[in-house]
PDB file of N, CA and C in Angstrom:
ATOM      1  N   MET A   1      13.498  -4.854  15.046  1.00  0.00           N
ATOM      2  CA  MET A   1      12.089  -4.842  14.704  1.00  0.00           C
ATOM      3  C   MET A   1      11.863  -5.704  13.462  1.00  0.00           C
ATOM      4  N   ARG A   2      10.915  -6.582  13.533  1.00  0.00           N
ATOM      5  CA  ARG A   2      10.588  -7.484  12.437  1.00  0.00           C
ATOM      6  C   ARG A   2       9.739  -6.755  11.400  1.00  0.00           C
ATOM      7  N   GLU A   3      10.065  -6.994  10.143  1.00  0.00           N
ATOM      8  CA  GLU A   3       9.276  -6.393   9.071  1.00  0.00           C
ATOM      9  C   GLU A   3       7.916  -7.074   8.997  1.00  0.00           C
ATOM     10  N   ARG A   4       6.883  -6.302   8.790  1.00  0.00           N
ATOM     11  CA  ARG A   4       5.530  -6.850   8.691  1.00  0.00           C
ATOM     12  C   ARG A   4       5.278  -7.498   7.334  1.00  0.00           C
ATOM     13  N   PHE A   5       5.928  -6.975   6.300  1.00  0.00           N
ATOM     14  CA  PHE A   5       5.670  -7.425   4.935  1.00  0.00           C
ATOM     15  C   PHE A   5       6.977  -7.815   4.271  1.00  0.00           C
ATOM     16  N   SER A   6       6.960  -8.945   3.582  1.00  0.00           N
ATOM     17  CA  SER A   6       8.172  -9.415   2.907  1.00  0.00           C
ATOM     18  C   SER A   6       8.421  -8.595   1.639  1.00  0.00           C
ATOM     19  N   VAL A   7       9.651  -8.636   1.182  1.00  0.00           N
ATOM     20  CA  VAL A   7      10.017  -7.953  -0.056  1.00  0.00           C
ATOM     21  C   VAL A   7       9.189  -8.514  -1.213  1.00  0.00           C
ATOM     22  N   THR A   8       8.948  -9.808  -1.192  1.00  0.00           N
ATOM     23  CA  THR A   8       8.143 -10.447  -2.242  1.00  0.00           C
ATOM     24  C   THR A   8       6.725  -9.881  -2.261  1.00  0.00           C
ATOM     25  N   GLU A   9       6.119  -9.740  -1.081  1.00  0.00           N
ATOM     26  CA  GLU A   9       4.764  -9.182  -0.991  1.00  0.00           C
ATOM     27  C   GLU A   9       4.733  -7.741  -1.474  1.00  0.00           C
ATOM     28  N   LEU A  10       5.710  -6.957  -1.027  1.00  0.00           N
ATOM     29  CA  LEU A  10       5.769  -5.548  -1.418  1.00  0.00           C
ATOM     30  C   LEU A  10       5.988  -5.393  -2.919  1.00  0.00           C
ATOM     31  N   THR A  11       6.862  -6.219  -3.472  1.00  0.00           N
ATOM     32  CA  THR A  11       7.146  -6.158  -4.904  1.00  0.00           C
ATOM     33  C   THR A  11       5.911  -6.524  -5.719  1.00  0.00           C
ATOM     34  N   ALA A  12       5.168  -7.530  -5.270  1.00  0.00           N
ATOM     35  CA  ALA A  12       3.943  -7.936  -5.975  1.00  0.00           C
ATOM     36  C   ALA A  12       2.902  -6.817  -5.935  1.00  0.00           C
ATOM     37  N   LEU A  13       2.728  -6.184  -4.781  1.00  0.00           N
ATOM     38  CA  LEU A  13       1.770  -5.084  -4.672  1.00  0.00           C
ATOM     39  C   LEU A  13       2.213  -3.913  -5.540  1.00  0.00           C
ATOM     40  N   ARG A  14       3.486  -3.598  -5.500  1.00  0.00           N
ATOM     41  CA  ARG A  14       4.021  -2.503  -6.323  1.00  0.00           C
ATOM     42  C   ARG A  14       3.752  -2.776  -7.797  1.00  0.00           C
ATOM     43  N   SER A  15       3.971  -3.995  -8.213  1.00  0.00           N
ATOM     44  CA  SER A  15       3.719  -4.379  -9.603  1.00  0.00           C
ATOM     45  C   SER A  15       2.247  -4.180  -9.960  1.00  0.00           C
ATOM     46  N   ASP A  16       1.358  -4.605  -9.080  1.00  0.00           N
ATOM     47  CA  ASP A  16      -0.081  -4.420  -9.311  1.00  0.00           C
ATOM     48  C   ASP A  16      -0.432  -2.937  -9.419  1.00  0.00           C
ATOM     49  N   LEU A  17       0.153  -2.133  -8.551  1.00  0.00           N
ATOM     50  CA  LEU A  17      -0.118  -0.697  -8.583  1.00  0.00           C
ATOM     51  C   LEU A  17       0.389  -0.065  -9.876  1.00  0.00           C
ATOM     52  N   LEU A  18       1.562  -0.474 -10.300  1.00  0.00           N
ATOM     53  CA  LEU A  18       2.137   0.088 -11.520  1.00  0.00           C
ATOM     54  C   LEU A  18       1.399  -0.371 -12.777  1.00  0.00           C
ATOM     55  N   GLN A  19       0.772  -1.530 -12.720  1.00  0.00           N
ATOM     56  CA  GLN A  19       0.057  -2.064 -13.887  1.00  0.00           C
ATOM     57  C   GLN A  19      -1.353  -1.502 -13.996  1.00  0.00           C
ATOM     58  N   GLY A  20      -1.547  -0.311 -13.526  1.00  0.00           N
ATOM     59  CA  GLY A  20      -2.838   0.331 -13.723  1.00  0.00           C
ATOM     60  C   GLY A  20      -3.488   0.857 -12.473  1.00  0.00           C
ATOM     61  N   GLY A  21      -3.116   0.331 -11.336  1.00  0.00           N
ATOM     62  CA  GLY A  21      -3.752   0.766 -10.100  1.00  0.00           C
ATOM     63  C   GLY A  21      -3.542   2.229  -9.785  1.00  0.00           C
ATOM     64  N   LEU A  22      -2.356   2.753 -10.084  1.00  0.00           N
ATOM     65  CA  LEU A  22      -2.078   4.145  -9.754  1.00  0.00           C
ATOM     66  C   LEU A  22      -2.760   5.112 -10.713  1.00  0.00           C
ATOM     67  N   ALA A  23      -3.235   4.612 -11.856  1.00  0.00           N
ATOM     68  CA  ALA A  23      -3.939   5.480 -12.796  1.00  0.00           C
ATOM     69  C   ALA A  23      -5.262   5.952 -12.188  1.00  0.00           C
ATOM     70  N   ASP A  24      -5.813   5.176 -11.302  1.00  0.00           N
ATOM     71  CA  ASP A  24      -7.071   5.495 -10.633  1.00  0.00           C
ATOM     72  C   ASP A  24      -6.830   5.378  -9.131  1.00  0.00           C
ATOM     73  N   SER A  25      -6.823   6.508  -8.442  1.00  0.00           N
ATOM     74  CA  SER A  25      -6.469   6.488  -7.018  1.00  0.00           C
ATOM     75  C   SER A  25      -7.445   5.661  -6.191  1.00  0.00           C
ATOM     76  N   ARG A  26      -8.702   5.630  -6.587  1.00  0.00           N
ATOM     77  CA  ARG A  26      -9.677   4.822  -5.839  1.00  0.00           C
ATOM     78  C   ARG A  26      -9.359   3.335  -5.988  1.00  0.00           C
ATOM     79  N   GLU A  27      -9.025   2.918  -7.214  1.00  0.00           N
ATOM     80  CA  GLU A  27      -8.665   1.517  -7.448  1.00  0.00           C
ATOM     81  C   GLU A  27      -7.379   1.160  -6.701  1.00  0.00           C
ATOM     82  N   ALA A  28      -6.413   2.069  -6.721  1.00  0.00           N
ATOM     83  CA  ALA A  28      -5.153   1.833  -6.014  1.00  0.00           C
ATOM     84  C   ALA A  28      -5.397   1.703  -4.512  1.00  0.00           C
ATOM     85  N   ALA A  29      -6.263   2.555  -3.974  1.00  0.00           N
ATOM     86  CA  ALA A  29      -6.589   2.483  -2.548  1.00  0.00           C
ATOM     87  C   ALA A  29      -7.261   1.150  -2.221  1.00  0.00           C
ATOM     88  N   GLU A  30      -8.122   0.675  -3.127  1.00  0.00           N
ATOM     89  CA  GLU A  30      -8.766  -0.623  -2.914  1.00  0.00           C
ATOM     90  C   GLU A  30      -7.742  -1.752  -2.918  1.00  0.00           C
ATOM     91  N   LEU A  31      -6.752  -1.672  -3.816  1.00  0.00           N
ATOM     92  CA  LEU A  31      -5.684  -2.679  -3.830  1.00  0.00           C
ATOM     93  C   LEU A  31      -4.941  -2.699  -2.496  1.00  0.00           C
ATOM     94  N   VAL A  32      -4.646  -1.512  -1.971  1.00  0.00           N
ATOM     95  CA  VAL A  32      -3.945  -1.413  -0.688  1.00  0.00           C
ATOM     96  C   VAL A  32      -4.819  -1.988   0.428  1.00  0.00           C
ATOM     97  N   GLN A  33      -6.101  -1.650   0.415  1.00  0.00           N
ATOM     98  CA  GLN A  33      -7.010  -2.180   1.436  1.00  0.00           C
ATOM     99  C   GLN A  33      -7.080  -3.706   1.374  1.00  0.00           C
ATOM    100  N   ILE A  34      -7.207  -4.252   0.183  1.00  0.00           N
ATOM    101  CA  ILE A  34      -7.275  -5.711   0.017  1.00  0.00           C
ATOM    102  C   ILE A  34      -5.981  -6.361   0.485  1.00  0.00           C
ATOM    103  N   PHE A  35      -4.854  -5.754   0.123  1.00  0.00           N
ATOM    104  CA  PHE A  35      -3.545  -6.260   0.545  1.00  0.00           C
ATOM    105  C   PHE A  35      -3.482  -6.334   2.070  1.00  0.00           C
ATOM    106  N   LEU A  36      -3.868  -5.250   2.739  1.00  0.00           N
ATOM    107  CA  LEU A  36      -3.794  -5.212   4.201  1.00  0.00           C
ATOM    108  C   LEU A  36      -4.833  -6.126   4.855  1.00  0.00           C
ATOM    109  N   MET A  37      -6.047  -6.156   4.313  1.00  0.00           N
ATOM    110  CA  MET A  37      -7.083  -7.028   4.883  1.00  0.00           C
ATOM    111  C   MET A  37      -6.677  -8.492   4.782  1.00  0.00           C
ATOM    112  N   GLY A  38      -5.999  -8.843   3.711  1.00  0.00           N
ATOM    113  CA  GLY A  38      -5.531 -10.212   3.540  1.00  0.00           C
ATOM    114  C   GLY A  38      -4.477 -10.607   4.551  1.00  0.00           C
ATOM    115  N   ARG A  39      -3.929  -9.630   5.233  1.00  0.00           N
ATOM    116  CA  ARG A  39      -2.907  -9.880   6.251  1.00  0.00           C
ATOM    117  C   ARG A  39      -3.400  -9.536   7.653  1.00  0.00           C
ATOM    118  N   GLY A  40      -4.719  -9.357   7.768  1.00  0.00           N
ATOM    119  CA  GLY A  40      -5.323  -9.153   9.081  1.00  0.00           C
ATOM    120  C   GLY A  40      -5.414  -7.720   9.555  1.00  0.00           C
ATOM    121  N   TYR A  41      -5.189  -6.758   8.670  1.00  0.00           N
ATOM    122  CA  TYR A  41      -5.269  -5.346   9.045  1.00  0.00           C
ATOM    123  C   TYR A  41      -6.461  -4.702   8.361  1.00  0.00           C
ATOM    124  N   GLY A  42      -7.170  -3.870   9.091  1.00  0.00           N
ATOM    125  CA  GLY A  42      -8.238  -3.079   8.495  1.00  0.00           C
ATOM    126  C   GLY A  42      -7.722  -1.671   8.249  1.00  0.00           C
ATOM    127  N   VAL A  43      -8.250  -1.025   7.234  1.00  0.00           N
ATOM    128  CA  VAL A  43      -7.822   0.345   6.944  1.00  0.00           C
ATOM    129  C   VAL A  43      -8.982   1.082   6.293  1.00  0.00           C
ATOM    130  N   SER A  44      -9.163   2.329   6.672  1.00  0.00           N
ATOM    131  CA  SER A  44     -10.249   3.116   6.093  1.00  0.00           C
ATOM    132  C   SER A  44      -9.919   3.495   4.653  1.00  0.00           C
ATOM    133  N   PRO A  45     -10.952   3.681   3.842  1.00  0.00           N
ATOM    134  CA  PRO A  45     -10.713   4.099   2.457  1.00  0.00           C
ATOM    135  C   PRO A  45      -9.914   5.402   2.372  1.00  0.00           C
ATOM    136  N   GLN A  46     -10.201   6.354   3.251  1.00  0.00           N
ATOM    137  CA  GLN A  46      -9.490   7.636   3.210  1.00  0.00           C
ATOM    138  C   GLN A  46      -8.018   7.471   3.571  1.00  0.00           C
ATOM    139  N   ALA A  47      -7.722   6.682   4.575  1.00  0.00           N
ATOM    140  CA  ALA A  47      -6.320   6.451   4.951  1.00  0.00           C
ATOM    141  C   ALA A  47      -5.574   5.767   3.811  1.00  0.00           C
ATOM    142  N   ALA A  48      -6.236   4.823   3.152  1.00  0.00           N
ATOM    143  CA  ALA A  48      -5.614   4.133   2.015  1.00  0.00           C
ATOM    144  C   ALA A  48      -5.370   5.110   0.869  1.00  0.00           C
ATOM    145  N   ARG A  49      -6.334   5.993   0.585  1.00  0.00           N
ATOM    146  CA  ARG A  49      -6.154   6.986  -0.486  1.00  0.00           C
ATOM    147  C   ARG A  49      -5.012   7.938  -0.165  1.00  0.00           C
ATOM    148  N   ASP A  50      -4.922   8.365   1.091  1.00  0.00           N
ATOM    149  CA  ASP A  50      -3.833   9.261   1.494  1.00  0.00           C
ATOM    150  C   ASP A  50      -2.481   8.581   1.298  1.00  0.00           C
ATOM    151  N   ALA A  51      -2.388   7.325   1.703  1.00  0.00           N
ATOM    152  CA  ALA A  51      -1.136   6.577   1.555  1.00  0.00           C
ATOM    153  C   ALA A  51      -0.784   6.396   0.083  1.00  0.00           C
ATOM    154  N   VAL A  52      -1.776   6.065  -0.733  1.00  0.00           N
ATOM    155  CA  VAL A  52      -1.549   5.878  -2.168  1.00  0.00           C
ATOM    156  C   VAL A  52      -1.056   7.178  -2.795  1.00  0.00           C
ATOM    157  N   SER A  53      -1.601   8.284  -2.363  1.00  0.00           N
ATOM    158  CA  SER A  53      -1.167   9.580  -2.887  1.00  0.00           C
ATOM    159  C   SER A  53       0.316   9.808  -2.622  1.00  0.00           C
ATOM    160  N   ARG A  54       0.753   9.492  -1.425  1.00  0.00           N
ATOM    161  CA  ARG A  54       2.178   9.669  -1.091  1.00  0.00           C
ATOM    162  C   ARG A  54       3.057   8.683  -1.861  1.00  0.00           C
ATOM    163  N   VAL A  55       2.569   7.461  -2.041  1.00  0.00           N
ATOM    164  CA  VAL A  55       3.314   6.462  -2.823  1.00  0.00           C
ATOM    165  C   VAL A  55       3.424   6.926  -4.274  1.00  0.00           C
ATOM    166  N   GLU A  56       2.337   7.437  -4.799  1.00  0.00           N
ATOM    167  CA  GLU A  56       2.318   7.913  -6.183  1.00  0.00           C
ATOM    168  C   GLU A  56       3.312   9.060  -6.380  1.00  0.00           C
ATOM    169  N   MET A  57       3.359   9.984  -5.427  1.00  0.00           N
ATOM    170  CA  MET A  57       4.295  11.115  -5.526  1.00  0.00           C
ATOM    171  C   MET A  57       5.746  10.650  -5.529  1.00  0.00           C
ATOM    172  N   SER A  58       6.013   9.497  -4.945  1.00  0.00           N
ATOM    173  CA  SER A  58       7.383   8.971  -4.891  1.00  0.00           C
ATOM    174  C   SER A  58       7.743   8.176  -6.141  1.00  0.00           C
ATOM    175  N   GLY A  59       6.797   8.034  -7.067  1.00  0.00           N
ATOM    176  CA  GLY A  59       7.041   7.194  -8.233  1.00  0.00           C
ATOM    177  C   GLY A  59       6.908   5.721  -7.904  1.00  0.00           C
ATOM    178  N   CYS A  60       6.180   5.432  -6.856  1.00  0.00           N
ATOM    179  CA  CYS A  60       5.946   4.056  -6.382  1.00  0.00           C
ATOM    180  C   CYS A  60       7.248   3.397  -5.914  1.00  0.00           C
ATOM    181  N   ALA A  61       8.076   4.195  -5.262  1.00  0.00           N
ATOM    182  CA  ALA A  61       9.333   3.674  -4.722  1.00  0.00           C
ATOM    183  C   ALA A  61       9.033   2.645  -3.632  1.00  0.00           C
ATOM    184  N   LEU A  62       9.716   1.527  -3.697  1.00  0.00           N
ATOM    185  CA  LEU A  62       9.475   0.432  -2.758  1.00  0.00           C
ATOM    186  C   LEU A  62       9.642   0.854  -1.291  1.00  0.00           C
ATOM    187  N   PRO A  63      10.684   1.630  -0.937  1.00  0.00           N
ATOM    188  CA  PRO A  63      10.809   2.040   0.469  1.00  0.00           C
ATOM    189  C   PRO A  63       9.633   2.900   0.944  1.00  0.00           C
ATOM    190  N   VAL A  64       9.108   3.744   0.057  1.00  0.00           N
ATOM    191  CA  VAL A  64       7.963   4.586   0.426  1.00  0.00           C
ATOM    192  C   VAL A  64       6.713   3.722   0.575  1.00  0.00           C
ATOM    193  N   LEU A  65       6.518   2.786  -0.341  1.00  0.00           N
ATOM    194  CA  LEU A  65       5.385   1.865  -0.241  1.00  0.00           C
ATOM    195  C   LEU A  65       5.442   1.101   1.078  1.00  0.00           C
ATOM    196  N   GLU A  66       6.616   0.592   1.415  1.00  0.00           N
ATOM    197  CA  GLU A  66       6.779  -0.148   2.668  1.00  0.00           C
ATOM    198  C   GLU A  66       6.470   0.738   3.868  1.00  0.00           C
ATOM    199  N   LYS A  67       6.994   1.950   3.870  1.00  0.00           N
ATOM    200  CA  LYS A  67       6.768   2.877   4.991  1.00  0.00           C
ATOM    201  C   LYS A  67       5.279   3.179   5.157  1.00  0.00           C
ATOM    202  N   GLU A  68       4.598   3.429   4.048  1.00  0.00           N
ATOM    203  CA  GLU A  68       3.166   3.735   4.118  1.00  0.00           C
ATOM    204  C   GLU A  68       2.361   2.540   4.630  1.00  0.00           C
ATOM    205  N   LEU A  69       2.664   1.356   4.132  1.00  0.00           N
ATOM    206  CA  LEU A  69       1.949   0.160   4.597  1.00  0.00           C
ATOM    207  C   LEU A  69       2.226  -0.111   6.068  1.00  0.00           C
ATOM    208  N   GLU A  70       3.482   0.050   6.468  1.00  0.00           N
ATOM    209  CA  GLU A  70       3.836  -0.150   7.883  1.00  0.00           C
ATOM    210  C   GLU A  70       3.073   0.849   8.753  1.00  0.00           C
ATOM    211  N   GLY A  71       2.972   2.090   8.281  1.00  0.00           N
ATOM    212  CA  GLY A  71       2.244   3.113   9.032  1.00  0.00           C
ATOM    213  C   GLY A  71       0.766   2.783   9.159  1.00  0.00           C
ATOM    214  N   LEU A  72       0.174   2.321   8.079  1.00  0.00           N
ATOM    215  CA  LEU A  72      -1.237   1.939   8.126  1.00  0.00           C
ATOM    216  C   LEU A  72      -1.448   0.746   9.047  1.00  0.00           C
ATOM    217  N   ALA A  73      -0.558  -0.219   8.987  1.00  0.00           N
ATOM    218  CA  ALA A  73      -0.680  -1.415   9.826  1.00  0.00           C
ATOM    219  C   ALA A  73      -0.450  -1.075  11.296  1.00  0.00           C
ATOM    220  N   LEU A  74       0.402  -0.103  11.561  1.00  0.00           N
ATOM    221  CA  LEU A  74       0.741   0.276  12.931  1.00  0.00           C
ATOM    222  C   LEU A  74      -0.444   0.879  13.667  1.00  0.00           C
ATOM    223  N   VAL A  75      -1.239   1.691  12.962  1.00  0.00           N
ATOM    224  CA  VAL A  75      -2.356   2.351  13.614  1.00  0.00           C
ATOM    225  C   VAL A  75      -3.508   1.412  13.926  1.00  0.00           C
ATOM    226  N   GLN A  76      -3.490   0.250  13.361  1.00  0.00           N
ATOM    227  CA  GLN A  76      -4.615  -0.672  13.540  1.00  0.00           C
ATOM    228  C   GLN A  76      -4.573  -1.323  14.895  1.00  0.00           C
TER     229      GLN A  76
END
């Protein structure tokens, strides 16, 4: 199975989230939505907030971020 997002893309998003995005869950969800929309995926604000919540609980671990983004992209 081919990865949808490169390590470089995931690392850049993680960096953005850690630099303030996770302090505000709405802002973090918007970052996730923008990231996915830029790659041709649509995502609801609630789904993005739910995913951000799980990423935040993991300490923004890269594997969790990747899993959440893959899950959001899969449902589209």
